[in-house]
């Protein structure tokens, strides 16, 4: 049984390693995750609560949490509202993507 599992893992790893679309999707998700993580870290560094972000942005606290925990990929309007609450322009985030990717 263990040998069969090992063989299956090898087959899956071989398939994934040659799948450019899968690699691309992984890169997209990793970038989204790093941006969300960076936004949360920045909010915390400002000593601003999720409730404060929600109130200033017009989003619900639950939406703010989902954006920060990557359980939701926000549309552009939601992201701009979130950033507004932190007094950050979208262009600032875009210009600092490489920094966020290394977090």
N, C-alpha and C. Protein backbone atom coordinates (compact mmCIF):
# COMPACT_ATOMS: atom_id res chain seq x y z
N UNK A 1 0.82 -1.20 0.00
CA UNK A 1 0.00 0.00 0.00
C UNK A 1 0.86 1.26 0.00
N UNK A 2 1.90 1.27 0.83
CA UNK A 2 2.78 2.42 0.91
C UNK A 2 3.49 2.65 -0.42
N UNK A 3 3.89 1.60 -1.08
CA UNK A 3 4.55 1.69 -2.37
C UNK A 3 3.61 2.30 -3.41
N UNK A 4 2.33 1.93 -3.37
CA UNK A 4 1.34 2.48 -4.30
C UNK A 4 1.17 3.98 -4.06
N UNK A 5 1.14 4.39 -2.79
CA UNK A 5 1.01 5.81 -2.47
C UNK A 5 2.23 6.58 -2.98
N UNK A 6 3.40 6.01 -2.78
CA UNK A 6 4.63 6.65 -3.24
C UNK A 6 4.62 6.82 -4.75
N UNK A 7 4.19 5.78 -5.45
CA UNK A 7 4.13 5.84 -6.92
C UNK A 7 3.11 6.90 -7.36
N UNK A 8 1.98 6.98 -6.68
CA UNK A 8 0.97 7.96 -7.02
C UNK A 8 1.50 9.37 -6.81
N UNK A 9 2.22 9.57 -5.72
CA UNK A 9 2.82 10.89 -5.45
C UNK A 9 3.81 11.24 -6.55
N UNK A 10 4.61 10.29 -6.98
CA UNK A 10 5.57 10.55 -8.06
C UNK A 10 4.85 10.93 -9.36
N UNK A 11 3.78 10.25 -9.66
CA UNK A 11 3.01 10.55 -10.87
C UNK A 11 2.44 11.96 -10.80
N UNK A 12 1.87 12.31 -9.65
CA UNK A 12 1.29 13.65 -9.48
C UNK A 12 2.37 14.72 -9.58
N UNK A 13 3.49 14.52 -8.90
CA UNK A 13 4.58 15.49 -8.95
C UNK A 13 5.11 15.67 -10.38
N UNK A 14 5.20 14.58 -11.10
CA UNK A 14 5.66 14.64 -12.48
C UNK A 14 4.68 15.44 -13.34
N UNK A 15 3.40 15.20 -13.17
CA UNK A 15 2.37 15.90 -13.93
C UNK A 15 2.36 17.39 -13.60
N UNK A 16 2.38 17.71 -12.32
CA UNK A 16 2.34 19.10 -11.89
C UNK A 16 3.59 19.84 -12.37
N UNK A 17 4.73 19.20 -12.29
CA UNK A 17 5.98 19.83 -12.70
C UNK A 17 5.99 20.22 -14.16
N UNK A 18 5.19 19.59 -15.00
CA UNK A 18 5.16 19.88 -16.43
C UNK A 18 3.94 20.69 -16.85
N UNK A 19 3.15 21.11 -15.89
CA UNK A 19 1.90 21.81 -16.20
C UNK A 19 2.10 23.32 -16.04
N UNK A 20 2.30 24.02 -17.14
CA UNK A 20 2.56 25.46 -17.09
C UNK A 20 1.36 26.24 -16.55
N UNK A 21 0.14 25.81 -16.89
CA UNK A 21 -1.05 26.48 -16.39
C UNK A 21 -1.13 26.35 -14.87
N UNK A 22 -0.82 25.17 -14.36
CA UNK A 22 -0.82 24.97 -12.91
C UNK A 22 0.23 25.86 -12.25
N UNK A 23 1.41 25.93 -12.84
CA UNK A 23 2.46 26.81 -12.32
C UNK A 23 2.00 28.26 -12.29
N UNK A 24 1.34 28.68 -13.37
CA UNK A 24 0.83 30.05 -13.44
C UNK A 24 -0.20 30.31 -12.35
N UNK A 25 -1.15 29.39 -12.18
CA UNK A 25 -2.18 29.56 -11.16
C UNK A 25 -1.57 29.60 -9.76
N UNK A 26 -0.56 28.78 -9.53
CA UNK A 26 0.13 28.81 -8.23
C UNK A 26 0.80 30.16 -8.00
N UNK A 27 1.40 30.71 -9.05
CA UNK A 27 2.04 32.02 -8.94
C UNK A 27 1.01 33.11 -8.63
N UNK A 28 -0.13 33.05 -9.29
CA UNK A 28 -1.19 34.03 -9.04
C UNK A 28 -1.64 33.95 -7.59
N UNK A 29 -1.92 32.75 -7.11
CA UNK A 29 -2.39 32.57 -5.73
C UNK A 29 -1.34 33.00 -4.72
N UNK A 30 -0.09 32.71 -5.01
CA UNK A 30 0.99 33.11 -4.11
C UNK A 30 1.08 34.64 -4.04
N UNK A 31 0.93 35.30 -5.19
CA UNK A 31 0.96 36.76 -5.21
C UNK A 31 -0.21 37.33 -4.43
N UNK A 32 -1.40 36.79 -4.64
CA UNK A 32 -2.57 37.25 -3.89
C UNK A 32 -2.35 37.07 -2.39
N UNK A 33 -1.84 35.91 -2.00
CA UNK A 33 -1.59 35.63 -0.60
C UNK A 33 -0.60 36.63 -0.01
N UNK A 34 0.48 36.91 -0.73
CA UNK A 34 1.49 37.85 -0.23
C UNK A 34 0.95 39.27 -0.11
N UNK A 35 0.12 39.68 -1.05
CA UNK A 35 -0.49 41.01 -0.97
C UNK A 35 -1.41 41.08 0.24
N UNK A 36 -2.26 40.08 0.42
CA UNK A 36 -3.18 40.07 1.57
C UNK A 36 -2.40 40.09 2.89
N UNK A 37 -1.36 39.28 2.96
CA UNK A 37 -0.54 39.22 4.17
C UNK A 37 0.14 40.57 4.43
N UNK A 38 0.64 41.20 3.36
CA UNK A 38 1.28 42.50 3.49
C UNK A 38 0.32 43.59 3.93
N UNK A 39 -0.91 43.55 3.41
CA UNK A 39 -1.91 44.54 3.80
C UNK A 39 -2.25 44.42 5.28
N UNK A 40 -2.45 43.19 5.73
CA UNK A 40 -2.77 42.96 7.14
C UNK A 40 -1.62 43.43 8.03
N UNK A 41 -0.41 43.07 7.66
CA UNK A 41 0.76 43.47 8.44
C UNK A 41 0.86 44.99 8.52
N UNK A 42 0.59 45.66 7.40
CA UNK A 42 0.65 47.12 7.38
C UNK A 42 -0.43 47.70 8.27
N UNK A 43 -1.67 47.17 8.18
CA UNK A 43 -2.76 47.67 9.01
C UNK A 43 -2.40 47.54 10.49
N UNK A 44 -1.88 46.39 10.86
CA UNK A 44 -1.50 46.16 12.26
C UNK A 44 -0.41 47.13 12.70
N UNK A 45 0.54 47.40 11.80
CA UNK A 45 1.62 48.33 12.15
C UNK A 45 1.10 49.75 12.41
N UNK A 46 -0.05 50.06 11.82
CA UNK A 46 -0.67 51.38 12.04
C UNK A 46 -1.56 51.39 13.29
N UNK A 47 -1.69 50.25 13.93
CA UNK A 47 -2.55 50.10 15.11
C UNK A 47 -4.00 50.45 14.78
N UNK A 48 -4.45 49.97 13.63
CA UNK A 48 -5.83 50.18 13.18
C UNK A 48 -6.53 48.83 13.22
N UNK A 49 -7.71 48.80 13.81
CA UNK A 49 -8.46 47.56 13.91
C UNK A 49 -9.22 47.29 12.61
N UNK A 50 -9.65 46.05 12.46
CA UNK A 50 -10.49 45.71 11.31
C UNK A 50 -11.79 46.51 11.36
N UNK A 51 -12.31 46.74 12.55
CA UNK A 51 -13.53 47.53 12.69
C UNK A 51 -13.35 48.95 12.17
N UNK A 52 -12.18 49.53 12.46
CA UNK A 52 -11.90 50.89 11.99
C UNK A 52 -11.79 50.92 10.46
N UNK A 53 -11.14 49.91 9.91
CA UNK A 53 -11.03 49.83 8.45
C UNK A 53 -12.43 49.70 7.85
N UNK A 54 -13.24 48.86 8.45
CA UNK A 54 -14.61 48.66 7.95
C UNK A 54 -15.40 49.97 7.98
N UNK A 55 -15.33 50.67 9.08
CA UNK A 55 -16.08 51.92 9.23
C UNK A 55 -15.63 52.97 8.22
N UNK A 56 -14.34 53.13 8.07
CA UNK A 56 -13.82 54.16 7.16
C UNK A 56 -14.03 53.79 5.69
N UNK A 57 -13.99 52.48 5.38
CA UNK A 57 -14.07 52.04 3.99
C UNK A 57 -15.49 51.78 3.51
N UNK A 58 -16.40 51.57 4.46
CA UNK A 58 -17.76 51.20 4.08
C UNK A 58 -17.92 49.71 3.85
N UNK A 59 -16.88 48.94 4.13
CA UNK A 59 -16.94 47.49 4.03
C UNK A 59 -17.38 46.92 5.38
N UNK A 60 -17.83 45.70 5.38
CA UNK A 60 -18.12 45.06 6.66
C UNK A 60 -16.82 44.57 7.28
N UNK A 61 -16.83 44.37 8.60
CA UNK A 61 -15.64 43.85 9.25
C UNK A 61 -15.34 42.44 8.74
N UNK A 62 -16.40 41.69 8.42
CA UNK A 62 -16.20 40.35 7.89
C UNK A 62 -15.49 40.39 6.54
N UNK A 63 -15.85 41.37 5.70
CA UNK A 63 -15.19 41.50 4.40
C UNK A 63 -13.72 41.86 4.58
N UNK A 64 -13.44 42.76 5.51
CA UNK A 64 -12.05 43.12 5.79
C UNK A 64 -11.26 41.89 6.23
N UNK A 65 -11.85 41.10 7.10
CA UNK A 65 -11.20 39.87 7.55
C UNK A 65 -10.96 38.91 6.40
N UNK A 66 -11.95 38.75 5.54
CA UNK A 66 -11.80 37.81 4.42
C UNK A 66 -10.71 38.27 3.46
N UNK A 67 -10.59 39.57 3.25
CA UNK A 67 -9.52 40.09 2.38
C UNK A 67 -8.16 39.78 3.01
N UNK A 68 -8.05 40.00 4.31
CA UNK A 68 -6.76 39.82 4.99
C UNK A 68 -6.37 38.36 5.22
N UNK A 69 -7.32 37.48 5.24
CA UNK A 69 -7.00 36.07 5.46
C UNK A 69 -7.01 35.28 4.17
N UNK A 70 -7.20 35.97 3.06
CA UNK A 70 -7.18 35.36 1.74
C UNK A 70 -8.28 34.33 1.56
N UNK A 71 -9.37 34.51 2.29
CA UNK A 71 -10.51 33.62 2.05
C UNK A 71 -11.43 34.24 1.01
N UNK A 72 -11.04 35.41 0.51
CA UNK A 72 -11.79 36.11 -0.52
C UNK A 72 -10.80 36.90 -1.34
N UNK A 73 -10.94 36.84 -2.63
CA UNK A 73 -10.10 37.65 -3.51
C UNK A 73 -10.92 38.88 -3.91
N UNK A 74 -10.57 40.04 -3.39
CA UNK A 74 -11.43 41.21 -3.58
C UNK A 74 -11.42 41.72 -5.02
N UNK A 75 -12.56 42.30 -5.41
CA UNK A 75 -12.56 42.99 -6.69
C UNK A 75 -11.84 44.32 -6.51
N UNK A 76 -11.62 45.02 -7.57
CA UNK A 76 -10.84 46.25 -7.52
C UNK A 76 -11.48 47.30 -6.63
N UNK A 77 -12.79 47.44 -6.68
CA UNK A 77 -13.48 48.43 -5.85
C UNK A 77 -13.28 48.13 -4.37
N UNK A 78 -13.42 46.88 -3.99
CA UNK A 78 -13.23 46.50 -2.58
C UNK A 78 -11.80 46.79 -2.14
N UNK A 79 -10.85 46.46 -2.99
CA UNK A 79 -9.45 46.71 -2.66
C UNK A 79 -9.18 48.21 -2.50
N UNK A 80 -9.72 49.02 -3.38
CA UNK A 80 -9.52 50.47 -3.29
C UNK A 80 -10.14 51.02 -2.01
N UNK A 81 -11.32 50.54 -1.63
CA UNK A 81 -11.96 50.97 -0.39
C UNK A 81 -11.12 50.58 0.82
N UNK A 82 -10.61 49.37 0.80
CA UNK A 82 -9.75 48.90 1.90
C UNK A 82 -8.51 49.80 2.00
N UNK A 83 -7.88 50.04 0.87
CA UNK A 83 -6.67 50.87 0.86
C UNK A 83 -6.96 52.30 1.30
N UNK A 84 -8.11 52.82 0.92
CA UNK A 84 -8.52 54.18 1.32
C UNK A 84 -8.54 54.29 2.85
N UNK A 85 -9.05 53.25 3.50
CA UNK A 85 -9.12 53.27 4.96
C UNK A 85 -7.74 53.32 5.60
N UNK A 86 -6.73 52.86 4.88
CA UNK A 86 -5.35 52.89 5.38
C UNK A 86 -4.57 54.09 4.84
N UNK A 87 -5.26 54.95 4.09
CA UNK A 87 -4.63 56.11 3.44
C UNK A 87 -3.50 55.69 2.50
N UNK A 88 -3.77 54.66 1.72
CA UNK A 88 -2.79 54.15 0.75
C UNK A 88 -3.43 54.16 -0.63
N UNK A 89 -2.69 54.62 -1.62
CA UNK A 89 -3.16 54.57 -3.00
C UNK A 89 -2.84 53.22 -3.62
N UNK A 90 -3.67 52.80 -4.55
CA UNK A 90 -3.43 51.54 -5.25
C UNK A 90 -2.09 51.57 -5.96
N UNK A 91 -1.71 52.71 -6.49
CA UNK A 91 -0.41 52.80 -7.19
C UNK A 91 0.75 52.51 -6.24
N UNK A 92 0.62 52.86 -4.98
CA UNK A 92 1.66 52.55 -3.99
C UNK A 92 1.80 51.04 -3.82
N UNK A 93 0.68 50.35 -3.75
CA UNK A 93 0.71 48.89 -3.62
C UNK A 93 1.34 48.26 -4.85
N UNK A 94 0.93 48.71 -6.01
CA UNK A 94 1.47 48.17 -7.26
C UNK A 94 2.97 48.39 -7.34
N UNK A 95 3.41 49.59 -6.97
CA UNK A 95 4.83 49.90 -7.04
C UNK A 95 5.66 49.12 -6.02
N UNK A 96 5.00 48.57 -5.01
CA UNK A 96 5.71 47.83 -3.96
C UNK A 96 5.40 46.34 -3.98
N UNK A 97 4.88 45.83 -5.07
CA UNK A 97 4.56 44.40 -5.14
C UNK A 97 5.77 43.52 -4.90
N UNK A 98 6.92 43.92 -5.39
CA UNK A 98 8.10 43.09 -5.19
C UNK A 98 8.44 42.98 -3.72
N UNK A 99 8.21 44.04 -2.96
CA UNK A 99 8.44 43.99 -1.51
C UNK A 99 7.45 43.05 -0.85
N UNK A 100 6.19 43.13 -1.24
CA UNK A 100 5.16 42.27 -0.66
C UNK A 100 5.41 40.80 -1.00
N UNK A 101 5.97 40.54 -2.16
CA UNK A 101 6.21 39.16 -2.58
C UNK A 101 7.28 38.48 -1.73
N UNK A 102 8.11 39.25 -1.11
CA UNK A 102 9.20 38.68 -0.32
C UNK A 102 8.88 38.57 1.15
N UNK A 103 7.65 38.79 1.53
CA UNK A 103 7.26 38.76 2.95
C UNK A 103 6.98 37.36 3.40
